[in-house]
Every structure is written in C-alpha cells, then in structure tokens.
Amino acid sequence: MDLESYLKEPVSVDRPRSSGWLSAGRLEIPSGVIVVADPTFLFHAEPIEVGAGTFEVEVKLSDFAGRRVVSRLRATRAPGGAVGDHVQRFIVDSGRVGLADVDRFHAETEPLDDAGYQAYIAGTKGDELVGTLHPDGPSPLLYAQTGFGSGAYLVREIVRDGERVGLQVVFADLDVDEADDG
C-alpha cells in the first residue's frame, strides 16, 4: 500500500497499529552526504556520509491513542541491508525532521531567522505527517513529523555488504505488529 492510500484509512482507536513501510518520496543526494535534523537546525547538523545516489524515503506510521504518528523514517539508496550502529543524535524543536543533500542545502538555503522559522512552520501546514519543501527547486527538503514531537532522536545506519546505504530514525517505537528491527 502507498502512503496516500494508507492516510485515507480511518485511524485505529481499538489498539496500536503499524502501517509497515510506506514510500514517502525520493531524494537526490549527489554529494553522497546527507543532513538529518530539525529543519530549523539543518545548518548546524553534522553531515552523514551515505554515498551518492537517489534515496527512497519511507515512513512507518502508527495509530496510537486515536491519532496517527510517524514512528520510523528511513532513506536508502539500495534495497536490503540491516539496521546497524547509531551514527548521530539530533534535537528536534519544531516537531519535524528534515532530510537534504548537504551541498545543495547549504548552497541554496539561508539560515532561518525568526520570520523564516515562522514561514517554514506555515509552509509545512502543521498537520501533514510527511511532505516536501521546495520540491521543484534546486534544494528540495523532505520532512516528516517526529512521532511524539520535540526531543532527541538517534540516527542509525543501514548497512549492506559492509557499506552504509542508508539511515533510519525511530521516533515512536510502536511497531506492535512486527518484531523485526528493519
């Protein structure tokens, strides 16, 4: 099932439920280096080497207590692979995480002042679980709500044949229907 179709389904109020992985879009990472952080802090985020390519970005959604949250997010440039070590920790203040190519982002975007922060929040419409800012521009930014909101989150690598091919973040570990970690 795709993300759009899943979002049309009613939220489960009986018990927690996980969607499984849903495609949220693609992100070009020509530099081979990605930044993962609250979009308002991307300029201060430590870049993560992931290899150049087109990354499939997927989310798992969970229905919990009558609402739907993003429980996990991953970006991979090759199918398969196993979730490995933690590679970074980041702080979220806006309740969202952003993913972008480090070179494109830094070349085309300016740090946010207070007005820019307010414009960013308005641009994400507040209630969208997943979206893209500047989709047609030179520096698209894919974003997702962060499960239970603001806080600190860990980025884990996805490794295939000894090579880092992606990243995963767990926002709200509510995957009650699945025992696997990947």
Protein backbone atom coordinates (compact mmCIF):
# COMPACT_ATOMS: atom_id res chain seq x y z
CA MET A 1 0.00 0.00 0.00
CA ASP A 2 1.23 3.54 -0.64
CA LEU A 3 1.28 6.47 1.78
CA GLU A 4 -1.59 8.35 0.16
CA SER A 5 -3.88 5.31 0.29
CA TYR A 6 -2.95 4.50 3.87
CA LEU A 7 -3.67 8.04 5.01
CA LYS A 8 -7.24 7.66 3.68
CA GLU A 9 -7.87 4.74 6.04
CA PRO A 10 -9.51 5.56 9.38
CA VAL A 11 -7.23 5.81 12.40
CA SER A 12 -7.42 2.73 14.59
CA VAL A 13 -8.87 3.50 18.00
CA ASP A 14 -9.06 -0.13 19.20
CA ARG A 15 -5.35 -0.83 19.59
CA PRO A 16 -1.97 0.43 18.36
CA ARG A 17 -1.37 -0.48 14.72
CA SER A 18 1.63 -0.09 12.40
CA SER A 19 1.42 0.60 8.68
CA GLY A 20 4.60 -1.16 7.61
CA TRP A 21 6.97 0.78 5.32
CA LEU A 22 5.27 3.33 3.02
CA SER A 23 7.01 5.28 0.27
CA ALA A 24 7.24 8.99 1.12
CA GLY A 25 9.25 10.05 -1.94
CA ARG A 26 12.71 10.15 -3.43
CA LEU A 27 15.59 12.41 -2.57
CA GLU A 28 18.65 13.03 -4.72
CA ILE A 29 21.89 13.07 -2.74
CA PRO A 30 24.53 13.88 -5.41
CA SER A 31 27.18 14.83 -2.83
CA GLY A 32 26.89 11.49 -1.03
CA VAL A 33 26.41 13.38 2.23
CA ILE A 34 23.04 13.92 3.90
CA VAL A 35 21.90 16.12 6.76
CA VAL A 36 19.21 14.83 9.10
CA ALA A 37 17.85 17.25 11.69
CA ASP A 38 15.05 19.53 12.70
CA PRO A 39 14.73 21.68 9.54
CA THR A 40 15.37 24.80 11.59
CA PHE A 41 18.73 23.37 12.70
CA LEU A 42 19.97 21.80 9.44
CA PHE A 43 22.78 24.36 9.15
CA HIS A 44 24.14 23.13 12.47
CA ALA A 45 23.67 19.40 11.81
CA GLU A 46 26.64 17.12 11.38
CA PRO A 47 26.60 15.72 7.83
CA ILE A 48 26.45 11.93 7.44
CA GLU A 49 28.26 10.10 4.62
CA VAL A 50 25.81 7.79 2.84
CA GLY A 51 27.12 7.56 -0.74
CA ALA A 52 25.78 9.42 -3.75
CA GLY A 53 22.53 8.39 -5.37
CA THR A 54 18.77 8.53 -5.37
CA PHE A 55 17.36 7.64 -1.98
CA GLU A 56 13.97 6.06 -1.43
CA VAL A 57 12.48 7.70 1.65
CA GLU A 58 9.96 5.62 3.56
CA VAL A 59 7.98 6.02 6.75
CA LYS A 60 6.14 3.72 9.11
CA LEU A 61 3.02 5.21 10.61
CA SER A 62 1.46 4.06 13.84
CA ASP A 63 -2.05 4.58 15.13
CA PHE A 64 -1.89 5.20 18.84
CA ALA A 65 -4.47 6.63 21.24
CA GLY A 66 -6.75 7.70 18.40
CA ARG A 67 -4.11 9.56 16.41
CA ARG A 68 -1.63 8.71 13.68
CA VAL A 69 2.09 9.37 14.15
CA VAL A 70 5.28 8.79 12.15
CA SER A 71 7.00 6.04 14.11
CA ARG A 72 10.03 5.48 11.85
CA LEU A 73 11.72 7.07 8.87
CA ARG A 74 14.39 5.61 6.61
CA ALA A 75 16.25 6.71 3.50
CA THR A 76 18.11 4.12 1.42
CA ARG A 77 19.90 4.09 -1.93
CA ALA A 78 19.98 0.30 -2.24
CA PRO A 79 17.38 -2.29 -1.27
CA GLY A 80 18.00 -4.64 1.60
CA GLY A 81 20.53 -4.09 4.31
CA ALA A 82 20.43 -4.31 8.05
CA VAL A 83 19.99 -1.63 10.67
CA GLY A 84 23.38 -1.06 12.27
CA ASP A 85 25.05 1.28 14.72
CA HIS A 86 23.94 4.69 15.88
CA VAL A 87 25.78 7.36 13.89
CA GLN A 88 24.30 10.56 15.24
CA ARG A 89 21.90 12.13 17.70
CA PHE A 90 19.85 15.23 16.89
CA ILE A 91 17.49 17.56 18.72
CA VAL A 92 14.01 18.43 17.45
CA ASP A 93 12.21 21.62 18.46
CA SER A 94 9.65 22.10 15.66
CA GLY A 95 8.23 18.56 15.87
CA ARG A 96 9.67 17.70 12.44
CA VAL A 97 12.77 16.16 10.91
CA GLY A 98 14.25 17.23 7.58
CA LEU A 99 16.45 15.36 5.11
CA ALA A 100 18.53 17.09 2.45
CA ASP A 101 21.72 16.81 0.42
CA VAL A 102 24.30 18.81 2.38
CA ASP A 103 25.84 20.62 -0.62
CA ARG A 104 22.53 21.53 -2.25
CA PHE A 105 21.06 22.67 1.04
CA HIS A 106 24.00 24.87 2.01
CA ALA A 107 24.36 26.36 -1.49
CA GLU A 108 20.69 27.26 -1.97
CA THR A 109 19.32 27.95 1.51
CA GLU A 110 19.93 30.66 4.06
CA PRO A 111 19.83 30.15 7.84
CA LEU A 112 16.39 30.82 9.28
CA ASP A 113 15.76 33.90 11.38
CA ASP A 114 12.55 34.22 13.41
CA ALA A 115 10.49 35.22 10.34
CA GLY A 116 12.00 32.34 8.33
CA TYR A 117 11.14 29.89 11.10
CA GLN A 118 7.52 31.08 11.12
CA ALA A 119 7.37 30.82 7.31
CA TYR A 120 8.77 27.29 7.50
CA ILE A 121 6.15 26.23 10.04
CA ALA A 122 3.40 27.80 7.90
CA GLY A 123 4.80 26.09 4.79
CA THR A 124 4.55 22.64 6.34
CA LYS A 125 0.85 23.18 7.10
CA GLY A 126 1.28 21.84 10.63
CA ASP A 127 -0.84 18.71 10.16
CA GLU A 128 0.93 16.93 7.29
CA LEU A 129 2.77 13.84 8.50
CA VAL A 130 5.18 13.88 5.53
CA GLY A 131 5.93 16.44 2.84
CA THR A 132 8.49 18.21 0.68
CA LEU A 133 9.52 21.85 0.85
CA HIS A 134 10.79 23.40 -2.39
CA PRO A 135 10.05 20.22 -4.42
CA ASP A 136 10.80 21.89 -7.75
CA GLY A 137 13.74 23.95 -6.54
CA PRO A 138 17.43 23.11 -6.56
CA SER A 139 17.37 22.12 -2.89
CA PRO A 140 14.30 20.00 -2.03
CA LEU A 141 13.85 19.19 1.64
CA LEU A 142 11.82 16.17 2.63
CA TYR A 143 10.30 16.44 6.09
CA ALA A 144 8.23 14.31 8.46
CA GLN A 145 6.61 14.84 11.82
CA THR A 146 8.61 13.22 14.59
CA GLY A 147 6.33 10.74 16.30
CA PHE A 148 5.65 12.26 19.69
CA GLY A 149 7.20 15.61 18.73
CA SER A 150 10.15 17.52 20.07
CA GLY A 151 13.01 15.72 21.78
CA ALA A 152 16.26 13.93 20.98
CA TYR A 153 16.43 11.15 18.37
CA LEU A 154 19.14 8.75 17.20
CA VAL A 155 20.10 8.13 13.57
CA ARG A 156 21.14 4.55 12.82
CA GLU A 157 22.93 3.40 9.70
CA ILE A 158 21.59 0.82 7.27
CA VAL A 159 24.43 -1.39 6.04
CA ARG A 160 24.54 -3.75 3.07
CA ASP A 161 27.64 -5.80 2.23
CA GLY A 162 29.70 -3.74 4.68
CA GLU A 163 28.70 -0.41 3.11
CA ARG A 164 26.42 2.28 4.55
CA VAL A 165 23.50 2.54 2.12
CA GLY A 166 21.04 4.48 4.22
CA LEU A 167 19.78 5.77 7.54
CA GLN A 168 16.89 5.09 9.87
CA VAL A 169 15.36 7.06 12.73
CA VAL A 170 12.91 5.66 15.26
CA PHE A 171 10.58 8.35 16.63
CA ALA A 172 7.98 6.30 18.46
CA ASP A 173 8.63 2.59 18.87
CA LEU A 174 5.03 1.46 18.39
CA ASP A 175 5.50 -1.31 15.86
CA VAL A 176 3.46 -3.81 17.81
CA ASP A 177 2.58 -5.84 14.70
CA GLU A 178 6.19 -6.52 13.71
CA ALA A 179 9.07 -8.00 15.67
CA ASP A 180 11.87 -7.13 13.23
CA ASP A 181 14.09 -4.09 13.60
CA GLY A 182 14.40 -3.19 9.92
